[in-house]
């Protein structure tokens, strides 16, 4: 049964303009999702031959279901979008603002295993600025979905451009993909690096160089 959304219309407007994750609304409440996932995960465990009467395993389907809905994939629910009130740039600050080494924990949508990495995010303020922790919260929200790293990088950049009313935004993510570590090539050392440079970060060589020096650590 479909339920009326209580999400802030401004949040819905922002999310409508961020490139989408492939999703289909199903009208299920969080509790209904948990019940359905727990039932189906029990079937997976049974198919694997696990003994669900064992006291170590019997609650695992429910644990997984709650973890998926309330934590790991919380970014699929717009109600979990962080409060992102920006304020007027009264100081007229117009230099690069950077938050580096933001923890990124996501899940590969191809194999449903962990993506573990770090993001560096910069912007050059125009009329609006935002609390620094909000940048981390934006990255966290979009990472809490089944993802591909390229989309995640662009979703963060899209959101920041909208909230800050500027195109001068840069995002770089370096991450280890456990679909590469645990299966297939089984390479535990490689990282995937993606970036989205916009406005001055793309068009101005000095600004781009300044950002990349922070990403690599040479700008410390």
N, C-alpha and C. Protein backbone atom coordinates (compact mmCIF):
# COMPACT_ATOMS: atom_id res chain seq x y z
N UNK A 1 0.85 -1.19 0.00
CA UNK A 1 0.00 0.00 0.00
C UNK A 1 0.89 1.24 0.00
N UNK A 2 0.59 2.18 -0.86
CA UNK A 2 1.37 3.40 -0.97
C UNK A 2 1.11 4.30 0.24
N UNK A 3 2.19 4.98 0.69
CA UNK A 3 2.07 5.87 1.81
C UNK A 3 2.45 7.29 1.40
N UNK A 4 1.76 8.24 1.97
CA UNK A 4 2.03 9.64 1.65
C UNK A 4 3.41 10.03 2.16
N UNK A 5 4.20 10.68 1.33
CA UNK A 5 5.54 11.08 1.72
C UNK A 5 5.50 12.24 2.69
N UNK A 6 6.38 12.20 3.68
CA UNK A 6 6.53 13.31 4.60
C UNK A 6 7.88 13.99 4.40
N UNK A 7 8.50 13.75 3.28
CA UNK A 7 9.82 14.31 2.99
C UNK A 7 9.68 15.79 2.63
N UNK A 8 10.61 16.60 3.10
CA UNK A 8 10.66 18.02 2.78
C UNK A 8 10.65 18.19 1.25
N UNK A 9 9.73 19.00 0.72
CA UNK A 9 9.68 19.20 -0.74
C UNK A 9 10.99 19.71 -1.32
N UNK A 10 11.76 20.49 -0.54
CA UNK A 10 13.05 20.98 -1.02
C UNK A 10 14.01 19.82 -1.24
N UNK A 11 13.98 18.83 -0.32
CA UNK A 11 14.82 17.65 -0.47
C UNK A 11 14.43 16.88 -1.73
N UNK A 12 13.13 16.70 -1.93
CA UNK A 12 12.66 15.99 -3.12
C UNK A 12 13.09 16.73 -4.39
N UNK A 13 13.09 18.06 -4.34
CA UNK A 13 13.50 18.84 -5.50
C UNK A 13 14.99 18.64 -5.78
N UNK A 14 15.81 18.66 -4.72
CA UNK A 14 17.25 18.43 -4.89
C UNK A 14 17.51 17.05 -5.48
N UNK A 15 16.87 16.04 -4.88
CA UNK A 15 17.11 14.67 -5.33
C UNK A 15 16.61 14.43 -6.75
N UNK A 16 15.58 15.16 -7.16
CA UNK A 16 15.07 15.01 -8.52
C UNK A 16 16.06 15.52 -9.57
N UNK A 17 17.00 16.37 -9.12
CA UNK A 17 17.96 16.98 -10.04
C UNK A 17 19.34 16.32 -9.96
N UNK A 18 19.50 15.39 -9.01
CA UNK A 18 20.74 14.61 -8.91
C UNK A 18 20.58 13.36 -9.77
N UNK A 19 21.62 13.01 -10.50
CA UNK A 19 21.48 11.83 -11.38
C UNK A 19 21.06 10.62 -10.54
N UNK A 20 20.09 9.89 -11.03
CA UNK A 20 19.42 8.90 -10.18
C UNK A 20 20.15 7.57 -10.06
N UNK A 21 19.92 6.93 -8.92
CA UNK A 21 20.20 5.51 -8.77
C UNK A 21 19.01 4.75 -9.34
N UNK A 22 19.22 3.67 -10.08
CA UNK A 22 18.07 2.92 -10.63
C UNK A 22 17.20 2.35 -9.51
N UNK A 23 16.05 2.96 -9.29
CA UNK A 23 15.14 2.53 -8.23
C UNK A 23 13.70 2.59 -8.74
N UNK A 24 12.86 1.74 -8.19
CA UNK A 24 11.43 1.73 -8.51
C UNK A 24 10.66 1.83 -7.19
N UNK A 25 9.87 2.88 -6.98
CA UNK A 25 9.10 2.98 -5.73
C UNK A 25 8.16 1.79 -5.59
N UNK A 26 8.15 1.20 -4.38
CA UNK A 26 7.29 0.04 -4.18
C UNK A 26 6.25 0.25 -3.07
N UNK A 27 6.26 1.42 -2.43
CA UNK A 27 5.26 1.73 -1.43
C UNK A 27 5.40 0.99 -0.12
N UNK A 28 6.50 0.24 0.06
CA UNK A 28 6.68 -0.53 1.29
C UNK A 28 7.24 0.36 2.40
N UNK A 29 6.74 0.19 3.61
CA UNK A 29 7.33 0.85 4.77
C UNK A 29 8.64 0.17 5.11
N UNK A 30 9.44 0.81 5.97
CA UNK A 30 10.70 0.19 6.38
C UNK A 30 10.45 -1.16 7.05
N UNK A 31 9.42 -1.25 7.87
CA UNK A 31 9.15 -2.52 8.55
C UNK A 31 8.73 -3.61 7.56
N UNK A 32 7.99 -3.23 6.54
CA UNK A 32 7.60 -4.20 5.51
C UNK A 32 8.82 -4.65 4.70
N UNK A 33 9.71 -3.72 4.42
CA UNK A 33 10.94 -4.10 3.72
C UNK A 33 11.77 -5.06 4.55
N UNK A 34 11.88 -4.77 5.84
CA UNK A 34 12.66 -5.64 6.73
C UNK A 34 12.08 -7.05 6.75
N UNK A 35 10.76 -7.15 6.88
CA UNK A 35 10.12 -8.47 6.92
C UNK A 35 10.34 -9.24 5.63
N UNK A 36 10.23 -8.55 4.49
CA UNK A 36 10.39 -9.23 3.21
C UNK A 36 11.84 -9.66 2.97
N UNK A 37 12.77 -8.78 3.31
CA UNK A 37 14.19 -9.12 3.13
C UNK A 37 14.59 -10.28 4.05
N UNK A 38 14.12 -10.25 5.30
CA UNK A 38 14.44 -11.33 6.24
C UNK A 38 13.94 -12.67 5.71
N UNK A 39 12.71 -12.68 5.17
CA UNK A 39 12.15 -13.92 4.63
C UNK A 39 13.02 -14.43 3.48
N UNK A 40 13.38 -13.54 2.57
CA UNK A 40 14.13 -13.98 1.40
C UNK A 40 15.59 -14.31 1.73
N UNK A 41 16.16 -13.62 2.72
CA UNK A 41 17.52 -13.96 3.10
C UNK A 41 17.57 -15.32 3.79
N UNK A 42 16.51 -15.64 4.50
CA UNK A 42 16.40 -16.97 5.08
C UNK A 42 16.43 -18.03 3.98
N UNK A 43 15.76 -17.76 2.86
CA UNK A 43 15.77 -18.69 1.73
C UNK A 43 17.17 -18.84 1.16
N UNK A 44 17.91 -17.73 1.08
CA UNK A 44 19.29 -17.80 0.57
C UNK A 44 20.15 -18.67 1.48
N UNK A 45 20.04 -18.44 2.79
CA UNK A 45 20.83 -19.22 3.73
C UNK A 45 20.48 -20.70 3.68
N UNK A 46 19.19 -20.97 3.54
CA UNK A 46 18.75 -22.36 3.44
C UNK A 46 19.31 -23.01 2.18
N UNK A 47 19.29 -22.27 1.07
CA UNK A 47 19.83 -22.79 -0.19
C UNK A 47 21.32 -23.08 -0.09
N UNK A 48 22.02 -22.31 0.74
CA UNK A 48 23.46 -22.54 0.94
C UNK A 48 23.73 -23.73 1.85
N UNK A 49 22.68 -24.24 2.50
CA UNK A 49 22.84 -25.40 3.37
C UNK A 49 23.16 -25.05 4.80
N UNK A 50 22.88 -23.80 5.22
CA UNK A 50 23.14 -23.41 6.60
C UNK A 50 22.01 -23.86 7.52
N UNK A 51 22.36 -24.15 8.75
CA UNK A 51 21.40 -24.65 9.73
C UNK A 51 20.80 -23.47 10.49
N UNK A 52 19.60 -23.08 10.13
CA UNK A 52 18.97 -21.92 10.73
C UNK A 52 18.36 -22.20 12.10
N UNK A 53 18.51 -23.43 12.58
CA UNK A 53 18.12 -23.71 13.96
C UNK A 53 19.29 -23.49 14.92
N UNK A 54 20.48 -23.29 14.38
CA UNK A 54 21.65 -23.02 15.21
C UNK A 54 21.51 -21.64 15.83
N UNK A 55 21.83 -21.50 17.13
CA UNK A 55 21.60 -20.22 17.81
C UNK A 55 22.49 -19.09 17.29
N UNK A 56 23.56 -19.42 16.58
CA UNK A 56 24.39 -18.38 15.98
C UNK A 56 23.80 -17.85 14.68
N UNK A 57 22.95 -18.64 14.03
CA UNK A 57 22.44 -18.29 12.70
C UNK A 57 20.96 -17.92 12.67
N UNK A 58 20.21 -18.32 13.67
CA UNK A 58 18.75 -18.20 13.57
C UNK A 58 18.26 -16.76 13.43
N UNK A 59 18.98 -15.79 13.99
CA UNK A 59 18.57 -14.39 13.89
C UNK A 59 19.26 -13.64 12.76
N UNK A 60 20.14 -14.33 12.02
CA UNK A 60 20.89 -13.66 10.96
C UNK A 60 20.00 -13.04 9.88
N UNK A 61 18.95 -13.71 9.39
CA UNK A 61 18.11 -13.06 8.37
C UNK A 61 17.53 -11.72 8.84
N UNK A 62 17.09 -11.64 10.08
CA UNK A 62 16.55 -10.39 10.59
C UNK A 62 17.64 -9.36 10.80
N UNK A 63 18.81 -9.79 11.25
CA UNK A 63 19.92 -8.86 11.42
C UNK A 63 20.30 -8.23 10.08
N UNK A 64 20.39 -9.07 9.06
CA UNK A 64 20.76 -8.58 7.73
C UNK A 64 19.69 -7.61 7.21
N UNK A 65 18.43 -7.96 7.38
CA UNK A 65 17.34 -7.12 6.88
C UNK A 65 17.36 -5.75 7.54
N UNK A 66 17.51 -5.71 8.85
CA UNK A 66 17.56 -4.42 9.56
C UNK A 66 18.77 -3.61 9.15
N UNK A 67 19.90 -4.29 8.99
CA UNK A 67 21.13 -3.61 8.56
C UNK A 67 20.96 -2.99 7.18
N UNK A 68 20.38 -3.74 6.25
CA UNK A 68 20.17 -3.23 4.90
C UNK A 68 19.28 -1.98 4.92
N UNK A 69 18.14 -2.06 5.57
CA UNK A 69 17.15 -0.98 5.49
C UNK A 69 17.56 0.23 6.31
N UNK A 70 18.08 0.02 7.51
CA UNK A 70 18.33 1.12 8.43
C UNK A 70 19.74 1.69 8.36
N UNK A 71 20.66 0.93 7.79
CA UNK A 71 22.06 1.38 7.80
C UNK A 71 22.68 1.36 6.41
N UNK A 72 22.97 0.17 5.90
CA UNK A 72 23.76 0.04 4.68
C UNK A 72 23.11 0.72 3.49
N UNK A 73 21.78 0.64 3.36
CA UNK A 73 21.08 1.23 2.23
C UNK A 73 20.14 2.36 2.66
N UNK A 74 20.49 3.02 3.75
CA UNK A 74 19.65 4.12 4.25
C UNK A 74 19.54 5.27 3.26
N UNK A 75 20.52 5.41 2.37
CA UNK A 75 20.50 6.49 1.40
C UNK A 75 19.46 6.32 0.30
N UNK A 76 18.78 5.17 0.27
CA UNK A 76 17.70 4.98 -0.70
C UNK A 76 16.41 5.66 -0.25
N UNK A 77 16.35 6.01 1.04
CA UNK A 77 15.15 6.65 1.59
C UNK A 77 15.38 8.15 1.71
N UNK A 78 14.65 8.96 0.96
CA UNK A 78 14.87 10.42 1.02
C UNK A 78 14.63 11.02 2.40
N UNK A 79 13.91 10.30 3.26
CA UNK A 79 13.71 10.79 4.63
C UNK A 79 15.03 10.88 5.39
N UNK A 80 16.04 10.14 4.93
CA UNK A 80 17.33 10.14 5.60
C UNK A 80 18.29 11.18 5.04
N UNK A 81 17.82 12.00 4.10
CA UNK A 81 18.67 13.05 3.54
C UNK A 81 19.03 14.04 4.64
N UNK A 82 20.31 14.42 4.75
CA UNK A 82 20.71 15.29 5.86
C UNK A 82 20.19 16.72 5.71
N UNK A 83 20.05 17.38 6.84
CA UNK A 83 19.68 18.80 6.83
C UNK A 83 20.85 19.60 6.28
N UNK A 84 20.60 20.38 5.22
CA UNK A 84 21.70 21.04 4.51
C UNK A 84 21.49 22.54 4.35
N UNK A 85 21.06 23.19 5.38
CA UNK A 85 20.84 24.63 5.29
C UNK A 85 22.16 25.34 5.03
N UNK A 86 22.22 26.05 3.93
CA UNK A 86 23.41 26.86 3.64
C UNK A 86 23.18 28.28 4.16
N UNK A 87 24.26 29.03 4.32
CA UNK A 87 24.15 30.39 4.83
C UNK A 87 24.83 31.35 3.87
N UNK A 88 24.49 32.61 4.02
CA UNK A 88 25.05 33.64 3.16
C UNK A 88 26.55 33.75 3.40
N UNK A 89 27.30 33.90 2.32
CA UNK A 89 28.75 34.04 2.39
C UNK A 89 29.10 35.49 2.74
N UNK A 90 28.85 35.86 4.00
CA UNK A 90 29.03 37.26 4.41
C UNK A 90 30.48 37.70 4.40
N UNK A 91 31.41 36.75 4.54
CA UNK A 91 32.83 37.10 4.52
C UNK A 91 33.36 37.32 3.11
N UNK A 92 32.56 36.95 2.14
CA UNK A 92 33.02 37.07 0.76
C UNK A 92 34.19 36.14 0.47
N UNK A 93 34.23 35.01 1.17
CA UNK A 93 35.33 34.06 0.98
C UNK A 93 35.24 33.45 -0.41
N UNK A 94 36.34 33.51 -1.17
CA UNK A 94 36.30 33.02 -2.55
C UNK A 94 37.50 32.14 -2.91
N UNK A 95 38.06 31.49 -1.89
CA UNK A 95 39.14 30.54 -2.12
C UNK A 95 38.60 29.11 -1.94
N UNK A 96 39.40 28.14 -2.32
CA UNK A 96 38.99 26.75 -2.26
C UNK A 96 38.76 26.30 -0.82
N UNK A 97 37.62 25.64 -0.59
CA UNK A 97 37.32 24.99 0.69
C UNK A 97 37.34 23.49 0.45
N UNK A 98 38.12 22.76 1.24
CA UNK A 98 38.31 21.33 0.99
C UNK A 98 38.10 20.52 2.26
N UNK A 99 37.39 19.41 2.12
CA UNK A 99 37.34 18.40 3.17
C UNK A 99 37.96 17.13 2.56
N UNK A 100 39.04 16.67 3.15
CA UNK A 100 39.72 15.52 2.59
C UNK A 100 39.61 14.32 3.53
N UNK A 101 39.90 13.15 2.98
CA UNK A 101 39.88 11.89 3.74
C UNK A 101 38.52 11.61 4.36
N UNK A 102 37.45 11.90 3.60
CA UNK A 102 36.10 11.54 4.04
C UNK A 102 35.91 10.04 3.85
N UNK A 103 35.51 9.37 4.90
CA UNK A 103 35.31 7.93 4.82
C UNK A 103 34.12 7.58 3.93
N UNK A 104 34.35 6.70 2.98
CA UNK A 104 33.32 6.23 2.07
C UNK A 104 33.14 4.72 2.25
N UNK A 105 31.96 4.32 2.70
CA UNK A 105 31.62 2.90 2.78
C UNK A 105 30.34 2.71 1.97
N UNK A 106 30.43 1.92 0.92
CA UNK A 106 29.27 1.69 0.07
C UNK A 106 29.22 0.20 -0.29
N UNK A 107 28.31 -0.13 -1.19
CA UNK A 107 28.13 -1.51 -1.62
C UNK A 107 28.06 -1.55 -3.14
N UNK A 108 28.87 -2.40 -3.74
CA UNK A 108 28.87 -2.57 -5.18
C UNK A 108 27.53 -3.16 -5.63
N UNK A 109 26.86 -2.50 -6.56
CA UNK A 109 25.54 -2.97 -6.97
C UNK A 109 25.61 -4.21 -7.87
N UNK A 110 26.80 -4.57 -8.32
CA UNK A 110 26.94 -5.75 -9.17
C UNK A 110 27.06 -7.04 -8.38
N UNK A 111 27.69 -6.96 -7.19
CA UNK A 111 27.89 -8.18 -6.40
C UNK A 111 27.47 -8.03 -4.94
N UNK A 112 27.04 -6.83 -4.55
CA UNK A 112 26.61 -6.57 -3.17
C UNK A 112 27.70 -6.89 -2.15
N UNK A 113 28.91 -6.44 -2.45
CA UNK A 113 30.00 -6.49 -1.48
C UNK A 113 30.54 -5.08 -1.30
N UNK A 114 31.42 -4.90 -0.34
CA UNK A 114 31.81 -3.58 0.15
C UNK A 114 32.68 -2.80 -0.84
N UNK A 115 32.44 -1.49 -0.89
CA UNK A 115 33.35 -0.51 -1.47
C UNK A 115 33.86 0.32 -0.30
N UNK A 116 35.17 0.40 -0.13
CA UNK A 116 35.76 1.06 1.03
C UNK A 116 36.79 2.07 0.56
N UNK A 117 36.56 3.35 0.83
CA UNK A 117 37.50 4.33 0.32
C UNK A 117 37.47 5.66 1.04
N UNK A 118 38.08 6.66 0.39
CA UNK A 118 38.17 8.01 0.92
C UNK A 118 37.84 8.99 -0.19
N UNK A 119 37.20 10.08 0.21
CA UNK A 119 36.85 11.12 -0.75
C UNK A 119 37.51 12.44 -0.35
N UNK A 120 37.89 13.20 -1.36
CA UNK A 120 38.30 14.60 -1.17
C UNK A 120 37.32 15.46 -1.94
N UNK A 121 36.73 16.43 -1.26
CA UNK A 121 35.68 17.25 -1.85
C UNK A 121 36.01 18.72 -1.63
N UNK A 122 35.94 19.50 -2.71
CA UNK A 122 36.24 20.93 -2.64
C UNK A 122 35.16 21.75 -3.32
N UNK A 123 35.04 22.99 -2.88
CA UNK A 123 34.22 23.96 -3.62
C UNK A 123 34.78 25.35 -3.40
N UNK A 124 34.44 26.24 -4.30
CA UNK A 124 34.79 27.65 -4.17
C UNK A 124 33.50 28.41 -3.93
N UNK A 125 33.32 29.01 -2.76
CA UNK A 125 32.04 29.68 -2.45
C UNK A 125 31.77 30.87 -3.36
N UNK A 126 30.48 31.05 -3.62
CA UNK A 126 30.00 32.28 -4.26
C UNK A 126 29.13 32.99 -3.24
N UNK A 127 27.83 32.86 -3.36
CA UNK A 127 26.94 33.54 -2.42
C UNK A 127 26.61 32.72 -1.18
N UNK A 128 26.86 31.39 -1.23
CA UNK A 128 26.45 30.51 -0.14
C UNK A 128 27.63 29.69 0.36
N UNK A 129 27.63 29.38 1.66
CA UNK A 129 28.58 28.44 2.24
C UNK A 129 27.79 27.42 3.06
N UNK A 130 28.45 26.32 3.39
CA UNK A 130 27.77 25.24 4.10
C UNK A 130 28.69 24.73 5.21
N UNK A 131 28.10 24.26 6.31
CA UNK A 131 28.91 23.68 7.38
C UNK A 131 29.72 22.51 6.86
N UNK A 132 30.98 22.42 7.29
CA UNK A 132 31.88 21.42 6.73
C UNK A 132 31.39 20.00 6.96
N UNK A 133 30.77 19.73 8.11
CA UNK A 133 30.29 18.37 8.37
C UNK A 133 29.19 17.97 7.40
N UNK A 134 28.50 18.96 6.82
CA UNK A 134 27.43 18.65 5.87
C UNK A 134 27.97 18.01 4.61
N UNK A 135 29.21 18.36 4.26
CA UNK A 135 29.84 17.75 3.08
C UNK A 135 30.03 16.26 3.33
N UNK A 136 30.50 15.92 4.54
CA UNK A 136 30.64 14.51 4.89
C UNK A 136 29.29 13.80 4.84
N UNK A 137 28.25 14.47 5.32
CA UNK A 137 26.91 13.86 5.38
C UNK A 137 26.34 13.63 3.99
N UNK A 138 26.63 14.53 3.06
CA UNK A 138 26.20 14.32 1.67
C UNK A 138 26.86 13.07 1.10
N UNK A 139 28.18 12.96 1.31
CA UNK A 139 28.92 11.80 0.81
C UNK A 139 28.37 10.52 1.43
N UNK A 140 28.08 10.56 2.73
CA UNK A 140 27.56 9.38 3.42
C UNK A 140 26.19 8.99 2.87
N UNK A 141 25.31 9.98 2.66
CA UNK A 141 23.96 9.68 2.19
C UNK A 141 23.99 8.94 0.86
N UNK A 142 24.74 9.44 -0.10
CA UNK A 142 24.74 8.81 -1.42
C UNK A 142 25.55 7.52 -1.45
N UNK A 143 26.47 7.36 -0.51
CA UNK A 143 27.21 6.10 -0.46
C UNK A 143 26.36 4.98 0.12
N UNK A 144 25.32 5.32 0.88
CA UNK A 144 24.47 4.30 1.50
C UNK A 144 23.38 3.83 0.54
N UNK A 145 23.85 3.38 -0.61
CA UNK A 145 23.01 2.81 -1.65
C UNK A 145 23.83 1.75 -2.37
N UNK A 146 23.19 0.80 -3.06
CA UNK A 146 23.96 0.01 -4.02
C UNK A 146 24.52 0.97 -5.07
N UNK A 147 25.83 0.88 -5.34
CA UNK A 147 26.46 1.93 -6.13
C UNK A 147 27.44 1.38 -7.15
N UNK A 148 27.73 2.22 -8.14
CA UNK A 148 28.97 2.16 -8.90
C UNK A 148 29.71 3.46 -8.55
N UNK A 149 31.01 3.39 -8.47
CA UNK A 149 31.77 4.53 -7.97
C UNK A 149 31.62 5.77 -8.84
N UNK A 150 31.50 5.56 -10.15
CA UNK A 150 31.36 6.71 -11.04
C UNK A 150 30.08 7.49 -10.74
N UNK A 151 28.98 6.77 -10.52
CA UNK A 151 27.71 7.43 -10.20
C UNK A 151 27.79 8.14 -8.86
N UNK A 152 28.36 7.47 -7.87
CA UNK A 152 28.49 8.07 -6.54
C UNK A 152 29.25 9.39 -6.61
N UNK A 153 30.33 9.41 -7.36
CA UNK A 153 31.13 10.63 -7.50
C UNK A 153 30.29 11.77 -8.07
N UNK A 154 29.51 11.47 -9.10
CA UNK A 154 28.70 12.50 -9.74
C UNK A 154 27.50 12.90 -8.90
N UNK A 155 26.92 11.98 -8.16
CA UNK A 155 25.79 12.34 -7.30
C UNK A 155 26.22 13.33 -6.22
N UNK A 156 27.38 13.12 -5.63
CA UNK A 156 27.88 14.05 -4.63
C UNK A 156 28.10 15.43 -5.25
N UNK A 157 28.73 15.45 -6.42
CA UNK A 157 28.99 16.73 -7.09
C UNK A 157 27.68 17.42 -7.49
N UNK A 158 26.73 16.66 -8.04
CA UNK A 158 25.43 17.24 -8.41
C UNK A 158 24.78 17.93 -7.21
N UNK A 159 24.75 17.22 -6.09
CA UNK A 159 24.08 17.71 -4.89
C UNK A 159 24.75 18.99 -4.39
N UNK A 160 26.07 19.01 -4.34
CA UNK A 160 26.77 20.19 -3.85
C UNK A 160 26.56 21.40 -4.75
N UNK A 161 26.54 21.18 -6.06
CA UNK A 161 26.28 22.30 -6.98
C UNK A 161 24.91 22.91 -6.72
N UNK A 162 23.92 22.06 -6.46
CA UNK A 162 22.57 22.55 -6.21
C UNK A 162 22.46 23.28 -4.89
N UNK A 163 23.03 22.70 -3.84
CA UNK A 163 22.90 23.28 -2.50
C UNK A 163 23.69 24.59 -2.39
N UNK A 164 24.87 24.63 -3.02
CA UNK A 164 25.76 25.78 -2.89
C UNK A 164 25.57 26.81 -3.99
N UNK A 165 24.75 26.48 -4.99
CA UNK A 165 24.46 27.40 -6.10
C UNK A 165 25.75 27.84 -6.79
N UNK A 166 26.61 26.85 -7.07
CA UNK A 166 27.86 27.12 -7.77
C UNK A 166 28.25 25.90 -8.58
N UNK A 167 28.93 26.11 -9.69
CA UNK A 167 29.49 25.01 -10.47
C UNK A 167 30.92 24.70 -10.06
N UNK A 168 31.49 25.52 -9.17
CA UNK A 168 32.89 25.35 -8.79
C UNK A 168 33.01 24.27 -7.71
N UNK A 169 32.87 23.02 -8.12
CA UNK A 169 32.85 21.87 -7.21
C UNK A 169 33.77 20.79 -7.78
N UNK A 170 34.49 20.11 -6.89
CA UNK A 170 35.35 19.00 -7.30
C UNK A 170 35.22 17.86 -6.30
N UNK A 171 35.12 16.65 -6.83
CA UNK A 171 35.01 15.44 -6.00
C UNK A 171 35.99 14.41 -6.55
N UNK A 172 36.76 13.81 -5.65
CA UNK A 172 37.64 12.70 -6.03
C UNK A 172 37.50 11.59 -5.01
N UNK A 173 37.28 10.37 -5.48
CA UNK A 173 37.14 9.21 -4.60
C UNK A 173 38.16 8.15 -5.00
N UNK A 174 38.88 7.64 -4.01
CA UNK A 174 39.77 6.49 -4.21
C UNK A 174 39.27 5.38 -3.31
N UNK A 175 38.95 4.23 -3.89
CA UNK A 175 38.31 3.17 -3.11
C UNK A 175 38.77 1.79 -3.51
N UNK A 176 38.72 0.89 -2.54
CA UNK A 176 38.98 -0.52 -2.76
C UNK A 176 37.63 -1.22 -2.92
N UNK A 177 37.52 -2.03 -3.97
CA UNK A 177 36.28 -2.75 -4.26
C UNK A 177 36.46 -4.22 -3.90
N UNK A 178 35.65 -4.68 -2.97
CA UNK A 178 35.82 -6.05 -2.51
C UNK A 178 35.27 -7.09 -3.50
N UNK A 179 34.59 -6.65 -4.55
CA UNK A 179 34.26 -7.57 -5.64
C UNK A 179 35.53 -7.89 -6.43
N UNK A 180 36.54 -7.03 -6.33
CA UNK A 180 37.85 -7.29 -6.93
C UNK A 180 38.73 -8.06 -5.96
N UNK A 181 38.61 -7.75 -4.66
CA UNK A 181 39.44 -8.39 -3.65
C UNK A 181 39.03 -9.85 -3.41
N UNK A 182 37.71 -10.10 -3.30
CA UNK A 182 37.21 -11.41 -2.86
C UNK A 182 36.88 -12.38 -3.98
N UNK A 183 36.79 -11.90 -5.20
CA UNK A 183 36.37 -12.79 -6.29
C UNK A 183 37.11 -12.38 -7.56
N UNK A 184 36.87 -13.11 -8.64
CA UNK A 184 37.47 -12.74 -9.91
C UNK A 184 38.99 -12.72 -9.84
N UNK A 185 39.57 -11.55 -10.08
CA UNK A 185 41.03 -11.41 -10.11
C UNK A 185 41.65 -11.53 -8.72
N UNK A 186 40.88 -11.33 -7.67
CA UNK A 186 41.34 -11.43 -6.27
C UNK A 186 42.59 -10.59 -6.03
N UNK A 187 42.48 -9.32 -6.39
CA UNK A 187 43.58 -8.36 -6.20
C UNK A 187 43.27 -7.51 -4.97
N UNK A 188 44.05 -7.69 -3.92
CA UNK A 188 43.79 -6.99 -2.66
C UNK A 188 44.46 -5.63 -2.56
N UNK A 189 45.23 -5.25 -3.56
CA UNK A 189 46.02 -4.02 -3.45
C UNK A 189 45.51 -2.86 -4.29
N UNK A 190 44.84 -3.12 -5.39
CA UNK A 190 44.47 -2.04 -6.30
C UNK A 190 43.34 -1.18 -5.75
N UNK A 191 43.32 0.08 -6.18
CA UNK A 191 42.24 1.02 -5.86
C UNK A 191 41.66 1.57 -7.16
N UNK A 192 40.42 1.98 -7.09
CA UNK A 192 39.78 2.68 -8.20
C UNK A 192 39.66 4.15 -7.83
N UNK A 193 40.07 5.02 -8.74
CA UNK A 193 40.02 6.47 -8.50
C UNK A 193 39.09 7.10 -9.53
N UNK A 194 38.10 7.87 -9.04
CA UNK A 194 37.20 8.60 -9.92
C UNK A 194 37.17 10.06 -9.49
N UNK A 195 36.90 10.94 -10.44
CA UNK A 195 36.82 12.36 -10.12
C UNK A 195 35.77 13.04 -10.98
N UNK A 196 35.24 14.13 -10.46
CA UNK A 196 34.31 14.99 -11.19
C UNK A 196 34.73 16.42 -10.89
N UNK A 197 35.32 17.09 -11.88
CA UNK A 197 35.80 18.46 -11.73
C UNK A 197 34.89 19.38 -12.53
N UNK A 198 34.37 20.42 -11.88
CA UNK A 198 33.42 21.31 -12.52
C UNK A 198 33.83 22.76 -12.33
N UNK A 199 33.31 23.61 -13.20
CA UNK A 199 33.57 25.04 -13.09
C UNK A 199 35.06 25.34 -13.15
N UNK A 200 35.54 26.13 -12.17
CA UNK A 200 36.94 26.54 -12.15
C UNK A 200 37.88 25.37 -12.00
N UNK A 201 37.44 24.29 -11.36
CA UNK A 201 38.30 23.12 -11.18
C UNK A 201 38.58 22.42 -12.50
N UNK A 202 37.70 22.57 -13.47
CA UNK A 202 37.91 22.01 -14.80
C UNK A 202 38.58 23.02 -15.73
N UNK A 203 38.15 24.28 -15.61
CA UNK A 203 38.55 25.28 -16.60
C UNK A 203 39.84 26.01 -16.28
N UNK A 204 40.21 26.10 -14.99
CA UNK A 204 41.39 26.84 -14.58
C UNK A 204 42.48 25.86 -14.15
N UNK A 205 43.59 25.88 -14.87
CA UNK A 205 44.66 24.90 -14.62
C UNK A 205 45.24 25.04 -13.22
N UNK A 206 45.36 26.26 -12.72
CA UNK A 206 45.94 26.45 -11.38
C UNK A 206 45.02 25.92 -10.30
N UNK A 207 43.71 26.17 -10.46
CA UNK A 207 42.75 25.66 -9.48
C UNK A 207 42.72 24.14 -9.50
N UNK A 208 42.73 23.57 -10.70
CA UNK A 208 42.75 22.12 -10.84
C UNK A 208 44.01 21.53 -10.20
N UNK A 209 45.15 22.17 -10.43
CA UNK A 209 46.41 21.70 -9.86
C UNK A 209 46.40 21.79 -8.34
N UNK A 210 45.82 22.87 -7.81
CA UNK A 210 45.74 23.04 -6.36
C UNK A 210 44.90 21.92 -5.74
N UNK A 211 43.77 21.62 -6.39
CA UNK A 211 42.91 20.55 -5.87
C UNK A 211 43.62 19.21 -5.93
N UNK A 212 44.26 18.90 -7.04
CA UNK A 212 44.91 17.60 -7.18
C UNK A 212 46.09 17.45 -6.23
N UNK A 213 46.75 18.56 -5.90
CA UNK A 213 47.84 18.48 -4.92
C UNK A 213 47.32 18.12 -3.55
N UNK A 214 46.11 18.57 -3.22
CA UNK A 214 45.49 18.20 -1.94
C UNK A 214 45.08 16.72 -1.99
N UNK A 215 44.53 16.27 -3.12
CA UNK A 215 44.13 14.88 -3.26
C UNK A 215 45.30 13.94 -3.06
N UNK A 216 46.43 14.27 -3.65
CA UNK A 216 47.61 13.40 -3.58
C UNK A 216 48.41 13.57 -2.30
N UNK A 217 48.11 14.63 -1.55
CA UNK A 217 48.82 14.87 -0.31
C UNK A 217 50.00 15.80 -0.45
N UNK A 218 50.34 16.18 -1.68
CA UNK A 218 51.49 17.07 -1.87
C UNK A 218 51.15 18.51 -1.50
N UNK A 219 49.83 18.78 -1.30
CA UNK A 219 49.43 20.15 -0.93
C UNK A 219 49.35 20.36 0.56
N UNK A 220 49.72 19.36 1.35
CA UNK A 220 49.68 19.49 2.80
C UNK A 220 50.81 20.36 3.31
